[in-house]
Amino acid sequence: MIAQAHVFIATSLDGYIADASGSVDWLATLPAIDGEDHGYAAFMAGVDALLMGAGTYRSVLGFDEWPYEKPVVVLSTSMTQDDVPPGLQGKVRILGLTPGAALEALGAEGVKRVYLDGGKLITSALQDGLVQCLTVTRVPVLLGRGVPLFGDTGRLSLTHVETRYWPNGFVQSTYALTSPTTVG
């Protein structure tokens, strides 16, 4: 059984997930609502593992604290397990696989739902038809340039599942790539 791939990501209003330097620090400067996580905790409670690209992994390594309690698998053909800091051994695995092969391997290990993170990985998984659900939170900032959420995915049809909004200007839309019944 192949693990299901789900995306939960924030983007600037002009479609960037990181600024021109590759940083996501701009997210911390946005207007916040005390105690509001925009559905992140509920989403994380429903996944068994994270699958991220090497660029995203390198960005997360720069955070003050490791933000994930779930197992993290990093897809990279240039990194090895030796590139994982000692404090993250056992929490992070490096695999030199394609997204599809990684989802198959995780599924064989009993992983049912995977959180995909990273623009290039998300684009590749969309190209290969591997994503079941896509949740994008648009935040009220224009970066002008940076790392776009989507590369060339080819034409894809999505089914709108729901849209939520908050007083701080965040607008979150969820889409299914097969049918609304795959979301959940």
N, C-alpha and C. Protein backbone atom coordinates (compact mmCIF):
# COMPACT_ATOMS: atom_id res chain seq x y z
N MET A 1 0.83 -1.18 0.00
CA MET A 1 0.00 0.00 0.00
C MET A 1 0.88 1.25 0.00
N ILE A 2 0.55 2.19 -0.84
CA ILE A 2 1.31 3.44 -0.92
C ILE A 2 0.73 4.43 0.10
N ALA A 3 1.59 5.17 0.78
CA ALA A 3 1.15 6.17 1.74
C ALA A 3 0.49 7.32 0.99
N GLN A 4 -0.56 7.88 1.57
CA GLN A 4 -1.24 9.03 0.98
C GLN A 4 -0.43 10.29 1.24
N ALA A 5 -0.35 11.16 0.25
CA ALA A 5 0.40 12.41 0.36
C ALA A 5 -0.55 13.58 0.48
N HIS A 6 -0.33 14.39 1.53
CA HIS A 6 -1.15 15.57 1.79
C HIS A 6 -0.23 16.78 1.94
N VAL A 7 -0.68 17.92 1.44
CA VAL A 7 0.08 19.16 1.50
C VAL A 7 -0.67 20.14 2.40
N PHE A 8 0.08 20.82 3.27
CA PHE A 8 -0.46 21.88 4.13
C PHE A 8 0.62 22.95 4.16
N ILE A 9 0.39 24.06 3.49
CA ILE A 9 1.48 25.02 3.30
C ILE A 9 0.94 26.45 3.24
N ALA A 10 1.77 27.39 3.65
CA ALA A 10 1.44 28.81 3.56
C ALA A 10 2.20 29.42 2.40
N THR A 11 1.58 30.41 1.79
CA THR A 11 2.20 31.11 0.68
C THR A 11 1.84 32.59 0.76
N SER A 12 2.73 33.41 0.25
CA SER A 12 2.41 34.84 0.14
C SER A 12 1.27 34.98 -0.87
N LEU A 13 0.63 36.12 -0.87
CA LEU A 13 -0.47 36.34 -1.80
C LEU A 13 -0.02 36.20 -3.25
N ASP A 14 1.26 36.50 -3.51
CA ASP A 14 1.78 36.36 -4.87
C ASP A 14 2.41 34.99 -5.12
N GLY A 15 2.17 34.02 -4.24
CA GLY A 15 2.49 32.63 -4.53
C GLY A 15 3.86 32.12 -4.12
N TYR A 16 4.55 32.83 -3.24
CA TYR A 16 5.89 32.39 -2.82
C TYR A 16 5.86 31.73 -1.44
N ILE A 17 6.65 30.66 -1.29
CA ILE A 17 6.74 29.98 0.00
C ILE A 17 7.99 30.41 0.77
N ALA A 18 8.90 31.05 0.09
CA ALA A 18 10.12 31.58 0.71
C ALA A 18 10.50 32.85 -0.04
N ASP A 19 11.25 33.72 0.63
CA ASP A 19 11.66 34.95 -0.04
C ASP A 19 12.82 34.67 -1.00
N ALA A 20 13.37 35.71 -1.60
CA ALA A 20 14.41 35.54 -2.62
C ALA A 20 15.66 34.88 -2.07
N SER A 21 15.90 34.99 -0.77
CA SER A 21 17.08 34.34 -0.17
C SER A 21 16.78 32.91 0.27
N GLY A 22 15.53 32.46 0.09
CA GLY A 22 15.15 31.12 0.49
C GLY A 22 14.64 31.04 1.93
N SER A 23 14.51 32.18 2.58
CA SER A 23 14.10 32.23 3.98
C SER A 23 12.58 32.26 4.11
N VAL A 24 12.09 31.65 5.19
CA VAL A 24 10.67 31.73 5.53
C VAL A 24 10.45 32.63 6.75
N ASP A 25 11.46 33.42 7.11
CA ASP A 25 11.36 34.32 8.26
C ASP A 25 10.19 35.30 8.13
N TRP A 26 9.80 35.64 6.91
CA TRP A 26 8.71 36.58 6.69
C TRP A 26 7.41 36.09 7.32
N LEU A 27 7.25 34.76 7.48
CA LEU A 27 6.04 34.23 8.09
C LEU A 27 5.89 34.68 9.54
N ALA A 28 7.01 34.84 10.24
CA ALA A 28 6.98 35.23 11.65
C ALA A 28 6.60 36.70 11.84
N THR A 29 6.62 37.48 10.77
CA THR A 29 6.32 38.91 10.90
C THR A 29 4.85 39.23 10.60
N LEU A 30 4.06 38.21 10.31
CA LEU A 30 2.68 38.43 9.92
C LEU A 30 1.78 38.61 11.13
N PRO A 31 0.64 39.27 10.94
CA PRO A 31 -0.28 39.46 12.06
C PRO A 31 -0.80 38.11 12.56
N ALA A 32 -0.70 37.90 13.87
CA ALA A 32 -1.11 36.62 14.45
C ALA A 32 -2.34 36.82 15.31
N ILE A 33 -3.08 35.75 15.48
CA ILE A 33 -4.22 35.72 16.39
C ILE A 33 -3.81 34.79 17.52
N ASP A 34 -3.83 35.28 18.74
CA ASP A 34 -3.41 34.47 19.89
C ASP A 34 -4.13 33.13 19.91
N GLY A 35 -3.33 32.07 20.01
CA GLY A 35 -3.87 30.72 20.13
C GLY A 35 -4.38 30.11 18.84
N GLU A 36 -4.28 30.81 17.73
CA GLU A 36 -4.80 30.30 16.45
C GLU A 36 -3.66 29.71 15.64
N ASP A 37 -3.79 28.44 15.27
CA ASP A 37 -2.75 27.80 14.46
C ASP A 37 -3.23 27.51 13.04
N HIS A 38 -4.41 27.98 12.70
CA HIS A 38 -4.97 27.85 11.34
C HIS A 38 -5.09 26.39 10.91
N GLY A 39 -5.36 25.50 11.86
CA GLY A 39 -5.59 24.09 11.55
C GLY A 39 -4.36 23.22 11.51
N TYR A 40 -3.20 23.79 11.82
CA TYR A 40 -1.95 23.05 11.73
C TYR A 40 -1.90 21.85 12.69
N ALA A 41 -2.27 22.05 13.95
CA ALA A 41 -2.20 20.95 14.93
C ALA A 41 -3.13 19.81 14.52
N ALA A 42 -4.32 20.14 14.07
CA ALA A 42 -5.26 19.10 13.64
C ALA A 42 -4.72 18.36 12.42
N PHE A 43 -4.12 19.10 11.50
CA PHE A 43 -3.52 18.45 10.33
C PHE A 43 -2.40 17.51 10.75
N MET A 44 -1.50 17.99 11.59
CA MET A 44 -0.37 17.17 12.04
C MET A 44 -0.82 15.93 12.81
N ALA A 45 -1.92 16.05 13.55
CA ALA A 45 -2.43 14.90 14.29
C ALA A 45 -2.88 13.79 13.34
N GLY A 46 -3.20 14.16 12.12
CA GLY A 46 -3.68 13.18 11.15
C GLY A 46 -2.63 12.60 10.23
N VAL A 47 -1.35 12.95 10.42
CA VAL A 47 -0.30 12.39 9.57
C VAL A 47 0.64 11.54 10.42
N ASP A 48 1.27 10.59 9.75
CA ASP A 48 2.18 9.67 10.43
C ASP A 48 3.64 10.06 10.28
N ALA A 49 3.96 10.80 9.21
CA ALA A 49 5.35 11.16 8.93
C ALA A 49 5.37 12.35 7.98
N LEU A 50 6.55 12.97 7.88
CA LEU A 50 6.76 14.08 6.95
C LEU A 50 7.73 13.63 5.88
N LEU A 51 7.50 14.09 4.67
CA LEU A 51 8.40 13.85 3.56
C LEU A 51 8.74 15.22 2.99
N MET A 52 10.02 15.58 3.04
CA MET A 52 10.41 16.91 2.57
C MET A 52 11.62 16.84 1.67
N GLY A 53 11.77 17.89 0.89
CA GLY A 53 12.92 18.01 0.02
C GLY A 53 14.13 18.51 0.79
N ALA A 54 15.28 18.41 0.19
CA ALA A 54 16.53 18.80 0.84
C ALA A 54 16.58 20.29 1.15
N GLY A 55 16.06 21.13 0.26
CA GLY A 55 16.06 22.57 0.50
C GLY A 55 15.22 22.94 1.71
N THR A 56 14.08 22.34 1.83
CA THR A 56 13.22 22.59 2.99
C THR A 56 13.89 22.09 4.26
N TYR A 57 14.50 20.92 4.18
CA TYR A 57 15.21 20.37 5.34
C TYR A 57 16.32 21.33 5.80
N ARG A 58 17.09 21.85 4.85
CA ARG A 58 18.16 22.78 5.22
C ARG A 58 17.60 24.05 5.88
N SER A 59 16.45 24.52 5.39
CA SER A 59 15.81 25.69 6.00
C SER A 59 15.37 25.39 7.42
N VAL A 60 14.76 24.23 7.63
CA VAL A 60 14.27 23.86 8.96
C VAL A 60 15.43 23.67 9.93
N LEU A 61 16.56 23.20 9.44
CA LEU A 61 17.74 23.06 10.32
C LEU A 61 18.17 24.40 10.90
N GLY A 62 17.83 25.48 10.24
CA GLY A 62 18.18 26.81 10.72
C GLY A 62 17.24 27.36 11.79
N PHE A 63 16.15 26.66 12.07
CA PHE A 63 15.22 27.09 13.11
C PHE A 63 15.88 26.93 14.48
N ASP A 64 15.42 27.69 15.46
CA ASP A 64 15.95 27.60 16.82
C ASP A 64 15.75 26.21 17.42
N GLU A 65 14.59 25.60 17.13
CA GLU A 65 14.27 24.26 17.63
C GLU A 65 13.77 23.40 16.49
N TRP A 66 13.98 22.09 16.61
CA TRP A 66 13.43 21.16 15.63
C TRP A 66 11.92 21.12 15.86
N PRO A 67 11.10 21.46 14.85
CA PRO A 67 9.67 21.64 15.08
C PRO A 67 8.80 20.38 14.98
N TYR A 68 9.38 19.23 14.68
CA TYR A 68 8.56 18.06 14.40
C TYR A 68 8.75 16.95 15.42
N GLU A 69 7.63 16.38 15.84
CA GLU A 69 7.67 15.20 16.69
C GLU A 69 7.54 13.93 15.86
N LYS A 70 6.95 14.04 14.70
CA LYS A 70 6.75 12.89 13.81
C LYS A 70 8.05 12.60 13.06
N PRO A 71 8.22 11.36 12.58
CA PRO A 71 9.40 11.03 11.79
C PRO A 71 9.48 11.88 10.51
N VAL A 72 10.68 12.26 10.14
CA VAL A 72 10.91 13.08 8.95
C VAL A 72 11.79 12.29 7.99
N VAL A 73 11.36 12.23 6.74
CA VAL A 73 12.14 11.62 5.67
C VAL A 73 12.50 12.72 4.68
N VAL A 74 13.78 12.85 4.40
CA VAL A 74 14.27 13.87 3.47
C VAL A 74 14.68 13.18 2.19
N LEU A 75 14.15 13.66 1.07
CA LEU A 75 14.54 13.10 -0.23
C LEU A 75 15.71 13.89 -0.77
N SER A 76 16.81 13.20 -1.00
CA SER A 76 18.01 13.86 -1.52
C SER A 76 18.92 12.83 -2.16
N THR A 77 19.46 13.20 -3.30
CA THR A 77 20.47 12.34 -3.94
C THR A 77 21.88 12.81 -3.61
N SER A 78 21.99 13.98 -2.96
CA SER A 78 23.32 14.51 -2.64
C SER A 78 23.67 14.41 -1.15
N MET A 79 22.69 14.16 -0.32
CA MET A 79 22.93 14.05 1.12
C MET A 79 22.89 12.58 1.55
N THR A 80 23.51 12.30 2.67
CA THR A 80 23.46 10.95 3.25
C THR A 80 23.05 11.08 4.71
N GLN A 81 22.90 9.96 5.37
CA GLN A 81 22.53 9.96 6.79
C GLN A 81 23.60 10.67 7.63
N ASP A 82 24.83 10.72 7.12
CA ASP A 82 25.90 11.44 7.83
C ASP A 82 25.64 12.94 7.90
N ASP A 83 24.76 13.46 7.04
CA ASP A 83 24.43 14.87 7.04
C ASP A 83 23.38 15.25 8.09
N VAL A 84 22.87 14.25 8.81
CA VAL A 84 21.89 14.49 9.86
C VAL A 84 22.64 14.75 11.17
N PRO A 85 22.39 15.90 11.82
CA PRO A 85 23.08 16.19 13.08
C PRO A 85 22.80 15.11 14.14
N PRO A 86 23.74 14.89 15.05
CA PRO A 86 23.56 13.85 16.06
C PRO A 86 22.24 13.95 16.83
N GLY A 87 21.79 15.15 17.15
CA GLY A 87 20.55 15.31 17.90
C GLY A 87 19.30 14.91 17.13
N LEU A 88 19.43 14.74 15.81
CA LEU A 88 18.28 14.37 14.99
C LEU A 88 18.36 12.94 14.46
N GLN A 89 19.44 12.24 14.78
CA GLN A 89 19.54 10.83 14.39
C GLN A 89 18.37 10.08 15.03
N GLY A 90 17.72 9.24 14.27
CA GLY A 90 16.54 8.54 14.76
C GLY A 90 15.25 9.31 14.52
N LYS A 91 15.36 10.60 14.23
CA LYS A 91 14.19 11.43 13.93
C LYS A 91 14.11 11.76 12.44
N VAL A 92 15.28 11.77 11.78
CA VAL A 92 15.37 12.16 10.37
C VAL A 92 16.09 11.07 9.60
N ARG A 93 15.51 10.70 8.46
CA ARG A 93 16.14 9.75 7.54
C ARG A 93 16.33 10.42 6.20
N ILE A 94 17.45 10.15 5.56
CA ILE A 94 17.71 10.64 4.21
C ILE A 94 17.53 9.47 3.25
N LEU A 95 16.70 9.67 2.23
CA LEU A 95 16.49 8.65 1.21
C LEU A 95 16.75 9.23 -0.16
N GLY A 96 17.46 8.51 -0.98
CA GLY A 96 17.73 8.92 -2.35
C GLY A 96 16.72 8.31 -3.31
N LEU A 97 15.44 8.50 -3.03
CA LEU A 97 14.37 7.90 -3.83
C LEU A 97 13.54 8.98 -4.53
N THR A 98 12.75 8.56 -5.48
CA THR A 98 11.75 9.45 -6.06
C THR A 98 10.61 9.60 -5.06
N PRO A 99 9.78 10.62 -5.22
CA PRO A 99 8.64 10.74 -4.30
C PRO A 99 7.74 9.50 -4.30
N GLY A 100 7.47 8.96 -5.47
CA GLY A 100 6.62 7.77 -5.55
C GLY A 100 7.23 6.57 -4.84
N ALA A 101 8.52 6.35 -5.05
CA ALA A 101 9.20 5.23 -4.39
C ALA A 101 9.24 5.43 -2.88
N ALA A 102 9.42 6.69 -2.46
CA ALA A 102 9.44 6.98 -1.02
C ALA A 102 8.07 6.72 -0.40
N LEU A 103 6.99 7.12 -1.08
CA LEU A 103 5.65 6.87 -0.56
C LEU A 103 5.34 5.37 -0.52
N GLU A 104 5.84 4.63 -1.50
CA GLU A 104 5.67 3.17 -1.48
C GLU A 104 6.43 2.56 -0.30
N ALA A 105 7.67 3.00 -0.09
CA ALA A 105 8.48 2.48 1.01
C ALA A 105 7.84 2.80 2.36
N LEU A 106 7.35 4.03 2.51
CA LEU A 106 6.69 4.41 3.76
C LEU A 106 5.41 3.61 3.96
N GLY A 107 4.65 3.42 2.90
CA GLY A 107 3.44 2.61 2.99
C GLY A 107 3.74 1.18 3.42
N ALA A 108 4.83 0.62 2.90
CA ALA A 108 5.24 -0.74 3.28
C ALA A 108 5.62 -0.82 4.76
N GLU A 109 6.02 0.32 5.33
CA GLU A 109 6.37 0.39 6.76
C GLU A 109 5.15 0.64 7.64
N GLY A 110 3.97 0.77 7.02
CA GLY A 110 2.75 1.00 7.78
C GLY A 110 2.32 2.45 7.89
N VAL A 111 3.06 3.35 7.24
CA VAL A 111 2.69 4.77 7.24
C VAL A 111 1.49 4.94 6.30
N LYS A 112 0.44 5.60 6.82
CA LYS A 112 -0.76 5.79 6.01
C LYS A 112 -0.83 7.17 5.37
N ARG A 113 -0.56 8.22 6.16
CA ARG A 113 -0.65 9.60 5.65
C ARG A 113 0.66 10.32 5.86
N VAL A 114 1.09 11.02 4.81
CA VAL A 114 2.37 11.74 4.83
C VAL A 114 2.12 13.21 4.53
N TYR A 115 2.79 14.06 5.28
CA TYR A 115 2.78 15.51 5.05
C TYR A 115 3.93 15.82 4.11
N LEU A 116 3.62 16.29 2.90
CA LEU A 116 4.64 16.68 1.93
C LEU A 116 4.99 18.14 2.16
N ASP A 117 6.28 18.46 2.19
CA ASP A 117 6.68 19.84 2.39
C ASP A 117 7.87 20.18 1.48
N GLY A 118 7.78 21.33 0.84
CA GLY A 118 8.83 21.81 -0.04
C GLY A 118 8.30 21.98 -1.45
N GLY A 119 8.55 23.14 -2.03
CA GLY A 119 7.99 23.46 -3.35
C GLY A 119 8.35 22.49 -4.45
N LYS A 120 9.61 22.13 -4.56
CA LYS A 120 10.02 21.21 -5.63
C LYS A 120 9.42 19.82 -5.43
N LEU A 121 9.40 19.35 -4.19
CA LEU A 121 8.82 18.04 -3.89
C LEU A 121 7.32 18.05 -4.17
N ILE A 122 6.63 19.10 -3.75
CA ILE A 122 5.19 19.19 -3.99
C ILE A 122 4.92 19.20 -5.49
N THR A 123 5.67 19.99 -6.25
CA THR A 123 5.50 20.03 -7.70
C THR A 123 5.71 18.66 -8.32
N SER A 124 6.78 17.98 -7.93
CA SER A 124 7.07 16.65 -8.46
C SER A 124 5.96 15.66 -8.12
N ALA A 125 5.48 15.70 -6.89
CA ALA A 125 4.41 14.79 -6.47
C ALA A 125 3.11 15.10 -7.21
N LEU A 126 2.84 16.37 -7.46
CA LEU A 126 1.66 16.72 -8.24
C LEU A 126 1.79 16.23 -9.68
N GLN A 127 2.97 16.40 -10.26
CA GLN A 127 3.21 15.93 -11.63
C GLN A 127 2.96 14.43 -11.75
N ASP A 128 3.31 13.70 -10.70
CA ASP A 128 3.19 12.24 -10.72
C ASP A 128 1.84 11.75 -10.21
N GLY A 129 0.94 12.65 -9.89
CA GLY A 129 -0.39 12.26 -9.43
C GLY A 129 -0.40 11.62 -8.04
N LEU A 130 0.52 12.03 -7.19
CA LEU A 130 0.68 11.39 -5.88
C LEU A 130 -0.03 12.12 -4.74
N VAL A 131 -0.51 13.33 -4.97
CA VAL A 131 -1.09 14.14 -3.90
C VAL A 131 -2.60 13.91 -3.85
N GLN A 132 -3.10 13.60 -2.65
CA GLN A 132 -4.54 13.43 -2.48
C GLN A 132 -5.23 14.74 -2.09
N CYS A 133 -4.56 15.54 -1.26
CA CYS A 133 -5.20 16.73 -0.72
C CYS A 133 -4.17 17.86 -0.64
N LEU A 134 -4.61 19.05 -0.98
CA LEU A 134 -3.75 20.23 -1.01
C LEU A 134 -4.43 21.35 -0.23
N THR A 135 -3.82 21.78 0.88
CA THR A 135 -4.33 22.90 1.67
C THR A 135 -3.31 24.03 1.59
N VAL A 136 -3.75 25.16 1.06
CA VAL A 136 -2.87 26.31 0.89
C VAL A 136 -3.46 27.48 1.66
N THR A 137 -2.63 28.05 2.55
CA THR A 137 -3.04 29.24 3.29
C THR A 137 -2.34 30.45 2.67
N ARG A 138 -3.13 31.34 2.10
CA ARG A 138 -2.59 32.57 1.52
C ARG A 138 -2.56 33.63 2.61
N VAL A 139 -1.41 34.26 2.76
CA VAL A 139 -1.26 35.25 3.82
C VAL A 139 -1.08 36.64 3.20
N PRO A 140 -1.51 37.68 3.91
CA PRO A 140 -1.57 39.02 3.33
C PRO A 140 -0.22 39.72 3.26
N VAL A 141 0.62 39.24 2.38
CA VAL A 141 1.91 39.88 2.12
C VAL A 141 2.28 39.60 0.67
N LEU A 142 2.90 40.57 0.03
CA LEU A 142 3.45 40.39 -1.31
C LEU A 142 4.96 40.41 -1.18
N LEU A 143 5.61 39.32 -1.60
CA LEU A 143 7.07 39.25 -1.52
C LEU A 143 7.74 39.79 -2.78
N GLY A 144 7.03 39.79 -3.89
CA GLY A 144 7.59 40.32 -5.13
C GLY A 144 8.44 39.32 -5.90
N ARG A 145 9.20 38.53 -5.19
CA ARG A 145 10.00 37.46 -5.79
C ARG A 145 10.39 36.49 -4.69
N GLY A 146 10.83 35.32 -5.11
CA GLY A 146 11.19 34.32 -4.12
C GLY A 146 11.06 32.91 -4.69
N VAL A 147 10.80 31.97 -3.82
CA VAL A 147 10.64 30.56 -4.20
C VAL A 147 9.15 30.30 -4.37
N PRO A 148 8.71 30.01 -5.61
CA PRO A 148 7.28 29.80 -5.83
C PRO A 148 6.82 28.46 -5.26
N LEU A 149 5.56 28.42 -4.86
CA LEU A 149 4.99 27.15 -4.39
C LEU A 149 4.98 26.13 -5.51
N PHE A 150 4.51 26.52 -6.67
CA PHE A 150 4.36 25.57 -7.76
C PHE A 150 5.36 25.83 -8.88
N GLY A 151 5.93 24.75 -9.38
CA GLY A 151 6.66 24.78 -10.64
C GLY A 151 5.68 24.33 -11.71
N ASP A 152 6.19 23.80 -12.80
CA ASP A 152 5.34 23.34 -13.89
C ASP A 152 4.74 21.99 -13.52
N THR A 153 3.51 22.02 -13.05
CA THR A 153 2.82 20.78 -12.68
C THR A 153 2.11 20.16 -13.87
N GLY A 154 2.01 20.90 -14.96
CA GLY A 154 1.10 20.48 -16.02
C GLY A 154 -0.31 20.84 -15.57
N ARG A 155 -1.26 20.59 -16.42
CA ARG A 155 -2.65 20.93 -16.06
C ARG A 155 -3.20 19.89 -15.10
N LEU A 156 -3.78 20.37 -14.00
CA LEU A 156 -4.40 19.51 -13.01
C LEU A 156 -5.77 20.07 -12.67
N SER A 157 -6.74 19.20 -12.53
CA SER A 157 -8.06 19.63 -12.07
C SER A 157 -8.18 19.32 -10.59
N LEU A 158 -8.70 20.29 -9.86
CA LEU A 158 -8.85 20.16 -8.42
C LEU A 158 -10.32 20.30 -8.06
N THR A 159 -10.71 19.65 -7.00
CA THR A 159 -12.06 19.79 -6.47
C THR A 159 -11.98 20.60 -5.19
N HIS A 160 -12.68 21.73 -5.16
CA HIS A 160 -12.68 22.56 -3.96
C HIS A 160 -13.41 21.83 -2.84
N VAL A 161 -12.78 21.77 -1.68
CA VAL A 161 -13.37 21.10 -0.52
C VAL A 161 -13.92 22.15 0.45
N GLU A 162 -13.09 23.13 0.81
CA GLU A 162 -13.55 24.19 1.70
C GLU A 162 -12.58 25.36 1.66
N THR A 163 -13.09 26.51 2.07
CA THR A 163 -12.26 27.70 2.26
C THR A 163 -12.62 28.31 3.61
N ARG A 164 -11.58 28.64 4.37
CA ARG A 164 -11.73 29.29 5.66
C ARG A 164 -10.97 30.60 5.63
N TYR A 165 -11.38 31.56 6.45
CA TYR A 165 -10.66 32.82 6.54
C TYR A 165 -10.67 33.31 7.98
N TRP A 166 -9.71 34.17 8.28
CA TRP A 166 -9.53 34.71 9.62
C TRP A 166 -9.41 36.22 9.56
N PRO A 167 -9.69 36.91 10.67
CA PRO A 167 -9.62 38.37 10.70
C PRO A 167 -8.24 38.95 10.39
N ASN A 168 -7.18 38.15 10.52
CA ASN A 168 -5.84 38.65 10.21
C ASN A 168 -5.54 38.60 8.71
N GLY A 169 -6.53 38.21 7.91
CA GLY A 169 -6.36 38.20 6.46
C GLY A 169 -5.90 36.89 5.87
N PHE A 170 -5.68 35.89 6.70
CA PHE A 170 -5.30 34.57 6.18
C PHE A 170 -6.52 33.92 5.53
N VAL A 171 -6.31 33.35 4.35
CA VAL A 171 -7.37 32.64 3.63
C VAL A 171 -6.84 31.26 3.28
N GLN A 172 -7.53 30.23 3.74
CA GLN A 172 -7.05 28.86 3.57
C GLN A 172 -8.05 28.06 2.74
N SER A 173 -7.56 27.51 1.64
CA SER A 173 -8.40 26.70 0.78
C SER A 173 -7.85 25.29 0.70
N THR A 174 -8.76 24.33 0.74
CA THR A 174 -8.40 22.92 0.64
C THR A 174 -9.02 22.35 -0.64
N TYR A 175 -8.21 21.58 -1.34
CA TYR A 175 -8.63 20.96 -2.60
C TYR A 175 -8.28 19.48 -2.58
N ALA A 176 -9.13 18.70 -3.20
CA ALA A 176 -8.85 17.28 -3.41
C ALA A 176 -8.40 17.12 -4.86
N LEU A 177 -7.47 16.20 -5.07
CA LEU A 177 -7.01 15.98 -6.43
C LEU A 177 -7.68 14.80 -7.09
N THR A 178 -8.39 14.00 -6.33
CA THR A 178 -9.14 12.89 -6.94
C THR A 178 -10.62 13.08 -6.72
N SER A 179 -11.04 13.06 -5.46
CA SER A 179 -12.43 13.32 -5.11
C SER A 179 -12.47 13.81 -3.68
N PRO A 180 -13.52 14.54 -3.31
CA PRO A 180 -13.59 15.06 -1.95
C PRO A 180 -13.55 13.97 -0.88
N THR A 181 -13.87 12.74 -1.22
CA THR A 181 -13.88 11.68 -0.22
C THR A 181 -12.47 11.26 0.19
N THR A 182 -11.43 11.70 -0.55
CA THR A 182 -10.06 11.34 -0.16
C THR A 182 -9.55 12.26 0.93
N VAL A 183 -10.24 13.34 1.21
CA VAL A 183 -9.81 14.29 2.23
C VAL A 183 -10.32 13.80 3.57
N GLY A 184 -9.44 13.90 4.59
CA GLY A 184 -9.93 13.51 5.91
C GLY A 184 -8.87 13.00 6.81
